[in-house]
Amino acid sequence: MNVIQYIKEKDTAVDLENPVDALVLSILPYFQFELIEGFHKNMPLKIKDLVLFDFEHIPMTSYLKPHYSLLKEMMQNTQFGNVEIVEFVSETDVESVFQYASILLRVNKSALFVAFRGTMPTVVGWKEDFVLSYSEDIPSHHIASDYLNKIASTSKQPLYCGGHSKGGNVAVYAASTLRRKAHLKKVYNFDGPGFQHEIIRSKGYIQILKKVKKYVPESSVIGLLLESSETQTIIKSSQLGVLQHNPYTWKIKNGHFEVVSQLSENAQFLSKSLQDVLIDIPLEHRETALTQVFDAMKTYKLDQIDQLRELFTFDNVRKISQVYQHADDESVRLLADIIKTTLSSTAKMKVKETVNQISKRVLSNEEDTSSSKDPTP
């Protein structure tokens, strides 16, 4: 089952020590609560009470639909429905290049969970992610740090935090800056990227490592970017390759993630290849090259990228590459290497998928042939 089916069948108390329950809460802020009229005026409120609000005026984009499905199931579920929304924060600044959102939840009246929103399908959202490839921090880190420190200083309740994708990265960063860590119980990082070397070596990061639980799908790409010292658990997915980043594809059985012992060959290959590409490019050249990529996306109105794979469609790559006709050599090389590495990995994955499908078909035919034969006397 996936996380939606899990919520439908959930009949026990929400357990913040259970990573599946933590995933449900961590992907909740993907829903754009800021679009609900009057929402901020009615907090705190229980998730089940959201049925009183009007959702019909909210445009259900391909991005928003699965998150709305998750929210509806939570509203209808006895356990998740009683989780209390204490506060929701959302900020966007195009000029400063950041999109930030978090939701503060009270669970079982006894513990707090702060969920940080991951990457939004916009140019601003994507650019903030890519800034991590050349900068120690991003604006969302500092907003999250201030917010988590405020909560930790004003409450003595057990504190948990987490997020998916960029949200996981932000949760780890914010937790590492806590001045009062005594009440912090766990930090959940669901396939979030790593950090620059300076963060990994920082005292705050090292101090919280034992409390950080990182989960990645077996063909993880995003969760393997940059450096990380966090112990990771590898989850099975119903999808292939980069599409496994979608948490709705992660497999759950008997209330727990289905896990495997190691990453797929494709994930290991792509992770190492991208790391090799970046390590050879000085930080200032990474910044120049990636700035030009996103300038191109704005020029060609690629401001909504609903799915990760859309960034590397032939037409979008062609549009982005046109800007590089007048770019410096390092920028051209970086873009070319990233595209080549990604497409090479994708092609390798497709070949492997085709071989597996053929093998299954052959085995199936052999079984059918064997069963149709008359038994020997």
Protein backbone atom coordinates (compact mmCIF):
# COMPACT_ATOMS: atom_id res chain seq x y z
CA MET A 1 0.00 0.00 0.00
CA ASN A 2 1.00 3.63 -0.29
CA VAL A 3 0.63 6.47 2.21
CA ILE A 4 -2.96 7.32 1.13
CA GLN A 5 -4.10 3.72 1.65
CA TYR A 6 -2.23 3.68 4.94
CA ILE A 7 -4.24 6.64 6.24
CA LYS A 8 -7.52 4.98 5.16
CA GLU A 9 -6.73 1.93 7.28
CA LYS A 10 -5.13 3.74 10.23
CA ASP A 11 -7.00 2.89 13.43
CA THR A 12 -4.32 3.36 16.08
CA ALA A 13 -3.03 6.55 17.69
CA VAL A 14 -0.64 8.70 15.66
CA ASP A 15 2.85 7.68 16.75
CA LEU A 16 5.66 10.18 16.17
CA GLU A 17 8.18 7.39 16.68
CA ASN A 18 6.73 5.65 13.62
CA PRO A 19 8.38 7.02 10.44
CA VAL A 20 5.26 6.35 8.35
CA ASP A 21 3.16 8.59 10.60
CA ALA A 22 5.98 11.13 10.45
CA LEU A 23 5.91 10.98 6.63
CA VAL A 24 2.17 11.73 6.60
CA LEU A 25 2.74 14.83 8.72
CA SER A 26 5.86 15.84 6.78
CA ILE A 27 4.11 15.98 3.40
CA LEU A 28 1.02 17.72 4.82
CA PRO A 29 2.42 21.27 4.27
CA TYR A 30 2.70 20.59 0.53
CA PHE A 31 -0.99 21.42 0.48
CA GLN A 32 -1.29 25.17 0.01
CA PHE A 33 -3.24 26.11 3.13
CA GLU A 34 -2.57 29.75 2.28
CA LEU A 35 -5.21 29.39 -0.46
CA ILE A 36 -7.99 28.57 2.04
CA GLU A 37 -10.04 31.67 2.82
CA GLY A 38 -10.16 32.44 6.53
CA PHE A 39 -7.82 29.59 7.45
CA HIS A 40 -5.37 31.69 9.48
CA LYS A 41 -8.16 33.25 11.54
CA ASN A 42 -9.35 29.92 12.94
CA MET A 43 -6.23 28.38 14.41
CA PRO A 44 -5.68 26.34 16.39
CA LEU A 45 -8.06 23.79 14.92
CA LYS A 46 -8.18 20.06 14.39
CA ILE A 47 -7.58 18.61 10.95
CA LYS A 48 -11.05 17.05 10.95
CA ASP A 49 -12.54 20.56 11.29
CA LEU A 50 -11.15 21.55 7.89
CA VAL A 51 -14.35 20.09 6.42
CA LEU A 52 -15.98 23.38 7.42
CA PHE A 53 -13.87 25.31 4.90
CA ASP A 54 -14.51 25.89 1.20
CA PHE A 55 -12.06 24.09 -1.07
CA GLU A 56 -14.02 24.51 -4.30
CA HIS A 57 -12.40 27.81 -5.25
CA ILE A 58 -8.88 26.32 -5.01
CA PRO A 59 -7.51 25.29 -8.45
CA MET A 60 -6.60 21.61 -8.16
CA THR A 61 -3.46 21.49 -10.30
CA SER A 62 -1.61 18.26 -11.03
CA TYR A 63 0.76 19.32 -8.24
CA LEU A 64 -1.99 19.91 -5.68
CA LYS A 65 -4.29 16.93 -6.37
CA PRO A 66 -2.36 14.20 -4.50
CA HIS A 67 -1.81 16.50 -1.52
CA TYR A 68 -5.53 17.31 -1.42
CA SER A 69 -6.27 13.57 -1.49
CA LEU A 70 -3.95 13.12 1.48
CA LEU A 71 -5.61 15.97 3.36
CA LYS A 72 -9.12 14.61 2.71
CA GLU A 73 -8.14 11.19 4.04
CA MET A 74 -6.63 12.79 7.13
CA MET A 75 -9.84 14.77 7.73
CA GLN A 76 -11.89 11.57 7.56
CA ASN A 77 -9.55 9.45 9.67
CA THR A 78 -10.30 9.31 13.39
CA GLN A 79 -6.64 9.39 14.40
CA PHE A 80 -5.15 11.93 12.00
CA GLY A 81 -8.33 13.99 12.15
CA ASN A 82 -7.65 14.76 15.81
CA VAL A 83 -4.18 16.15 15.13
CA GLU A 84 -4.30 19.86 15.92
CA ILE A 85 -2.98 22.55 13.59
CA VAL A 86 -1.46 25.17 15.88
CA GLU A 87 0.11 27.47 13.31
CA PHE A 88 0.84 27.71 9.59
CA VAL A 89 3.50 29.98 8.12
CA SER A 90 4.09 30.73 4.43
CA GLU A 91 6.52 33.21 2.85
CA THR A 92 7.72 33.73 -0.73
CA ASP A 93 10.22 36.26 -2.04
CA VAL A 94 11.10 36.10 -5.73
CA GLU A 95 13.94 38.61 -5.44
CA SER A 96 15.59 36.85 -2.49
CA VAL A 97 14.85 33.48 -4.14
CA PHE A 98 13.02 31.57 -1.46
CA GLN A 99 9.74 29.81 -0.81
CA TYR A 100 9.13 28.78 2.77
CA ALA A 101 6.22 27.14 4.52
CA SER A 102 5.84 25.17 7.72
CA ILE A 103 3.03 23.82 9.83
CA LEU A 104 3.09 23.35 13.60
CA LEU A 105 1.05 20.37 14.78
CA ARG A 106 0.10 19.13 18.23
CA VAL A 107 -0.22 15.34 18.35
CA ASN A 108 -2.14 13.46 21.05
CA LYS A 109 -2.18 16.70 23.08
CA SER A 110 1.32 15.87 24.29
CA ALA A 111 3.91 16.47 21.56
CA LEU A 112 4.71 19.01 18.85
CA PHE A 113 5.68 18.28 15.26
CA VAL A 114 6.99 20.95 12.89
CA ALA A 115 6.69 19.96 9.23
CA PHE A 116 8.62 21.98 6.66
CA ARG A 117 7.36 22.21 3.08
CA GLY A 118 9.55 20.77 0.33
CA THR A 119 10.17 22.10 -3.15
CA MET A 120 7.32 23.85 -4.93
CA PRO A 121 7.01 23.34 -8.72
CA THR A 122 8.10 26.88 -9.58
CA VAL A 123 11.27 28.55 -10.84
CA VAL A 124 11.80 30.14 -7.41
CA GLY A 125 11.39 26.77 -5.69
CA TRP A 126 13.78 24.98 -8.01
CA LYS A 127 16.37 27.75 -7.96
CA GLU A 128 16.48 27.78 -4.16
CA ASP A 129 17.23 24.05 -4.24
CA PHE A 130 20.05 24.46 -6.73
CA VAL A 131 21.59 27.26 -4.64
CA LEU A 132 22.52 24.47 -2.21
CA SER A 133 25.06 23.24 -4.78
CA TYR A 134 27.23 26.30 -4.23
CA SER A 135 26.11 27.84 -0.93
CA GLU A 136 26.27 26.68 2.69
CA ASP A 137 22.74 27.88 3.34
CA ILE A 138 19.58 29.25 1.76
CA PRO A 139 17.06 31.82 3.08
CA SER A 140 14.62 29.08 4.11
CA HIS A 141 17.28 27.69 6.47
CA HIS A 142 17.37 30.89 8.50
CA ILE A 143 13.60 31.32 8.64
CA ALA A 144 13.22 27.69 9.78
CA SER A 145 16.01 28.07 12.33
CA ASP A 146 14.39 31.14 13.91
CA TYR A 147 10.99 29.44 13.93
CA LEU A 148 12.16 26.17 15.49
CA ASN A 149 14.23 28.00 18.10
CA LYS A 150 11.17 30.08 19.03
CA ILE A 151 9.09 26.95 19.56
CA ALA A 152 11.82 25.17 21.54
CA SER A 153 12.24 28.18 23.82
CA THR A 154 8.54 28.60 24.59
CA SER A 155 7.39 24.99 24.97
CA LYS A 156 8.52 22.10 27.15
CA GLN A 157 6.59 19.49 25.17
CA PRO A 158 8.53 16.82 23.27
CA LEU A 159 9.53 18.29 19.90
CA TYR A 160 9.78 16.53 16.54
CA CYS A 161 10.37 17.99 13.10
CA GLY A 162 10.61 16.72 9.55
CA GLY A 163 10.07 17.28 5.89
CA HIS A 164 10.29 15.78 2.44
CA SER A 165 12.84 16.85 -0.20
CA LYS A 166 14.00 20.41 0.56
CA GLY A 167 11.77 20.20 3.65
CA GLY A 168 13.90 17.39 5.04
CA ASN A 169 17.07 19.36 4.42
CA VAL A 170 15.55 22.43 6.10
CA ALA A 171 14.42 20.36 9.10
CA VAL A 172 17.94 19.02 9.66
CA TYR A 173 19.50 22.47 9.32
CA ALA A 174 17.01 24.08 11.71
CA ALA A 175 17.48 21.31 14.28
CA SER A 176 21.27 21.69 14.10
CA THR A 177 20.94 25.35 15.14
CA LEU A 178 18.73 24.74 18.17
CA ARG A 179 20.05 26.44 21.27
CA ARG A 180 17.88 24.20 23.48
CA LYS A 181 18.09 20.64 22.18
CA ALA A 182 16.84 18.84 25.30
CA HIS A 183 13.22 18.54 24.13
CA LEU A 184 14.14 17.56 20.55
CA LYS A 185 13.29 13.88 20.10
CA LYS A 186 13.67 13.15 16.39
CA VAL A 187 14.31 14.81 13.04
CA TYR A 188 12.85 13.11 9.95
CA ASN A 189 14.55 13.73 6.61
CA PHE A 190 12.59 12.13 3.77
CA ASP A 191 14.81 12.08 0.68
CA GLY A 192 16.19 15.55 1.31
CA PRO A 193 19.52 16.65 -0.18
CA GLY A 194 22.68 17.03 1.87
CA PHE A 195 24.83 20.05 2.63
CA GLN A 196 28.13 21.69 1.85
CA HIS A 197 31.13 20.32 3.75
CA GLU A 198 31.19 23.20 6.26
CA ILE A 199 27.72 22.31 7.57
CA ILE A 200 28.56 18.61 7.90
CA ARG A 201 31.53 19.52 10.08
CA SER A 202 29.63 21.98 12.28
CA LYS A 203 29.18 21.26 15.99
CA GLY A 204 25.40 21.63 15.84
CA TYR A 205 25.03 19.13 12.99
CA ILE A 206 27.25 16.56 14.70
CA GLN A 207 25.32 16.93 17.97
CA ILE A 208 21.95 16.01 16.44
CA LEU A 209 23.09 13.18 14.16
CA LYS A 210 21.80 10.46 16.49
CA LYS A 211 18.34 12.04 16.39
CA VAL A 212 18.17 12.35 12.60
CA LYS A 213 16.37 9.59 10.71
CA LYS A 214 16.84 9.78 6.95
CA TYR A 215 14.73 7.76 4.50
CA VAL A 216 15.40 7.50 0.77
CA PRO A 217 13.87 5.37 -2.02
CA GLU A 218 16.08 2.71 -3.58
CA SER A 219 16.68 4.81 -6.72
CA SER A 220 17.11 8.06 -4.84
CA VAL A 221 18.61 11.02 -6.67
CA ILE A 222 17.67 14.11 -4.63
CA GLY A 223 18.45 12.52 -1.28
CA LEU A 224 21.97 11.61 -2.38
CA LEU A 225 22.98 15.06 -3.59
CA LEU A 226 25.82 16.81 -1.72
CA GLU A 227 27.23 15.53 1.57
CA SER A 228 25.45 13.84 4.45
CA SER A 229 26.55 11.94 7.56
CA GLU A 230 23.03 10.76 8.38
CA THR A 231 22.29 7.05 8.61
CA GLN A 232 19.70 6.26 5.96
CA THR A 233 16.99 3.64 5.57
CA ILE A 234 16.22 2.60 1.98
CA ILE A 235 12.57 2.22 0.99
CA LYS A 236 10.91 0.25 -1.81
CA SER A 237 8.94 2.25 -4.37
CA SER A 238 6.29 1.40 -6.95
CA GLN A 239 8.01 3.69 -9.46
CA LEU A 240 11.38 3.76 -11.22
CA GLY A 241 14.32 6.13 -11.21
CA VAL A 242 13.82 9.78 -10.38
CA LEU A 243 10.03 9.27 -10.07
CA GLN A 244 10.71 7.47 -6.79
CA HIS A 245 11.25 10.87 -5.17
CA ASN A 246 7.44 11.09 -5.02
CA PRO A 247 6.53 9.93 -1.48
CA TYR A 248 3.16 8.62 -2.69
CA THR A 249 5.05 5.82 -4.46
CA TRP A 250 6.75 4.53 -1.32
CA LYS A 251 5.65 1.06 -0.23
CA ILE A 252 4.16 0.38 3.19
CA LYS A 253 3.29 -2.99 4.72
CA ASN A 254 1.87 -3.78 8.17
CA GLY A 255 2.27 -0.17 9.26
CA HIS A 256 5.93 0.12 8.30
CA PHE A 257 7.99 0.99 5.23
CA GLU A 258 9.09 -1.88 3.04
CA VAL A 259 12.86 -1.61 3.05
CA VAL A 260 15.79 -2.96 1.05
CA SER A 261 19.41 -3.38 2.04
CA GLN A 262 21.03 -1.16 -0.57
CA LEU A 263 20.48 1.51 -3.19
CA SER A 264 19.91 0.51 -6.80
CA GLU A 265 22.90 0.45 -9.15
CA ASN A 266 21.32 3.30 -11.08
CA ALA A 267 21.08 5.52 -7.98
CA GLN A 268 24.69 4.83 -7.05
CA PHE A 269 25.84 5.55 -10.61
CA LEU A 270 23.91 8.81 -10.94
CA SER A 271 24.88 10.02 -7.47
CA LYS A 272 28.59 9.45 -8.08
CA SER A 273 28.40 10.95 -11.57
CA LEU A 274 26.71 14.15 -10.39
CA GLN A 275 29.12 14.47 -7.47
CA ASP A 276 32.06 14.08 -9.88
CA VAL A 277 30.59 16.76 -12.14
CA LEU A 278 30.15 19.25 -9.29
CA ILE A 279 33.45 18.61 -7.53
CA ASP A 280 35.40 19.71 -10.60
CA ILE A 281 33.54 23.02 -10.88
CA PRO A 282 34.48 25.89 -8.52
CA LEU A 283 31.59 27.24 -6.43
CA GLU A 284 31.54 30.61 -8.21
CA HIS A 285 31.22 28.89 -11.61
CA ARG A 286 28.37 26.73 -10.32
CA GLU A 287 26.55 29.88 -9.25
CA THR A 288 27.07 31.57 -12.64
CA ALA A 289 26.02 28.50 -14.62
CA LEU A 290 22.91 27.74 -12.59
CA THR A 291 21.85 31.39 -12.54
CA GLN A 292 21.94 31.33 -16.33
CA VAL A 293 19.83 28.16 -16.40
CA PHE A 294 17.09 29.77 -14.34
CA ASP A 295 17.31 33.00 -16.27
CA ALA A 296 16.62 30.89 -19.35
CA MET A 297 13.65 29.23 -17.66
CA LYS A 298 12.18 32.66 -16.88
CA THR A 299 12.87 33.87 -20.42
CA TYR A 300 11.01 30.91 -21.93
CA LYS A 301 8.26 31.05 -19.27
CA LEU A 302 9.14 27.69 -17.76
CA ASP A 303 7.82 28.95 -14.43
CA GLN A 304 5.80 25.87 -13.49
CA ILE A 305 7.60 22.51 -13.50
CA ASP A 306 5.01 20.10 -12.12
CA GLN A 307 7.22 17.03 -12.30
CA LEU A 308 10.99 16.62 -11.94
CA ARG A 309 11.24 14.77 -15.25
CA GLU A 310 9.75 17.77 -17.10
CA LEU A 311 12.92 19.75 -16.49
CA PHE A 312 14.81 17.37 -18.76
CA THR A 313 12.34 16.96 -21.61
CA PHE A 314 13.89 17.56 -25.03
CA ASP A 315 11.99 20.80 -25.62
CA ASN A 316 12.88 22.31 -22.24
CA VAL A 317 16.54 21.31 -22.51
CA ARG A 318 16.63 22.87 -25.99
CA LYS A 319 15.20 26.15 -24.69
CA ILE A 320 17.60 26.30 -21.76
CA SER A 321 20.61 25.43 -23.93
CA GLN A 322 19.93 28.36 -26.27
CA VAL A 323 20.99 30.79 -23.55
CA TYR A 324 24.37 29.08 -23.39
CA GLN A 325 25.32 30.08 -26.92
CA HIS A 326 26.89 33.22 -25.43
CA ALA A 327 27.87 31.83 -22.02
CA ASP A 328 31.39 31.21 -20.74
CA ASP A 329 33.07 27.83 -21.25
CA GLU A 330 32.72 26.67 -17.62
CA SER A 331 28.98 27.35 -17.62
CA VAL A 332 28.50 25.48 -20.88
CA ARG A 333 30.53 22.55 -19.58
CA LEU A 334 28.56 22.33 -16.32
CA LEU A 335 25.17 22.38 -18.02
CA ALA A 336 26.31 19.86 -20.64
CA ASP A 337 27.71 17.50 -18.00
CA ILE A 338 24.56 17.66 -15.85
CA ILE A 339 22.28 17.00 -18.83
CA LYS A 340 24.54 14.26 -20.20
CA THR A 341 24.80 12.52 -16.83
CA THR A 342 21.05 12.70 -16.18
CA LEU A 343 20.07 11.50 -19.65
CA SER A 344 22.70 8.74 -19.58
CA SER A 345 21.38 7.51 -16.25
CA THR A 346 17.78 7.70 -17.51
CA ALA A 347 18.68 5.71 -20.63
CA LYS A 348 20.45 3.10 -18.52
CA MET A 349 17.37 2.80 -16.31
CA LYS A 350 15.06 2.42 -19.33
CA VAL A 351 17.22 -0.34 -20.81
CA LYS A 352 17.23 -2.19 -17.50
CA GLU A 353 13.46 -1.77 -17.19
CA THR A 354 12.94 -3.17 -20.70
CA VAL A 355 15.20 -6.17 -20.01
CA ASN A 356 13.31 -6.90 -16.79
CA GLN A 357 9.95 -6.73 -18.59
CA ILE A 358 11.17 -9.09 -21.32
CA SER A 359 12.55 -11.51 -18.73
CA LYS A 360 9.24 -11.54 -16.85
CA ARG A 361 7.34 -12.16 -20.07
CA VAL A 362 9.64 -15.03 -21.07
CA LEU A 363 9.33 -16.64 -17.64
CA SER A 364 5.56 -16.23 -17.74
CA ASN A 365 5.37 -17.87 -21.17
CA GLU A 366 7.56 -20.74 -20.01
CA GLU A 367 5.30 -21.32 -17.00
CA ASP A 368 2.20 -21.25 -19.23
CA THR A 369 3.79 -23.73 -21.64
CA SER A 370 4.84 -26.02 -18.81
CA SER A 371 1.41 -26.04 -17.18
CA SER A 372 -0.34 -26.76 -20.50
CA LYS A 373 1.64 -29.95 -21.14
CA ASP A 374 0.01 -33.27 -20.35
CA PRO A 375 1.46 -34.82 -17.23
CA THR A 376 3.63 -37.86 -17.87
CA PRO A 377 2.00 -41.13 -16.90
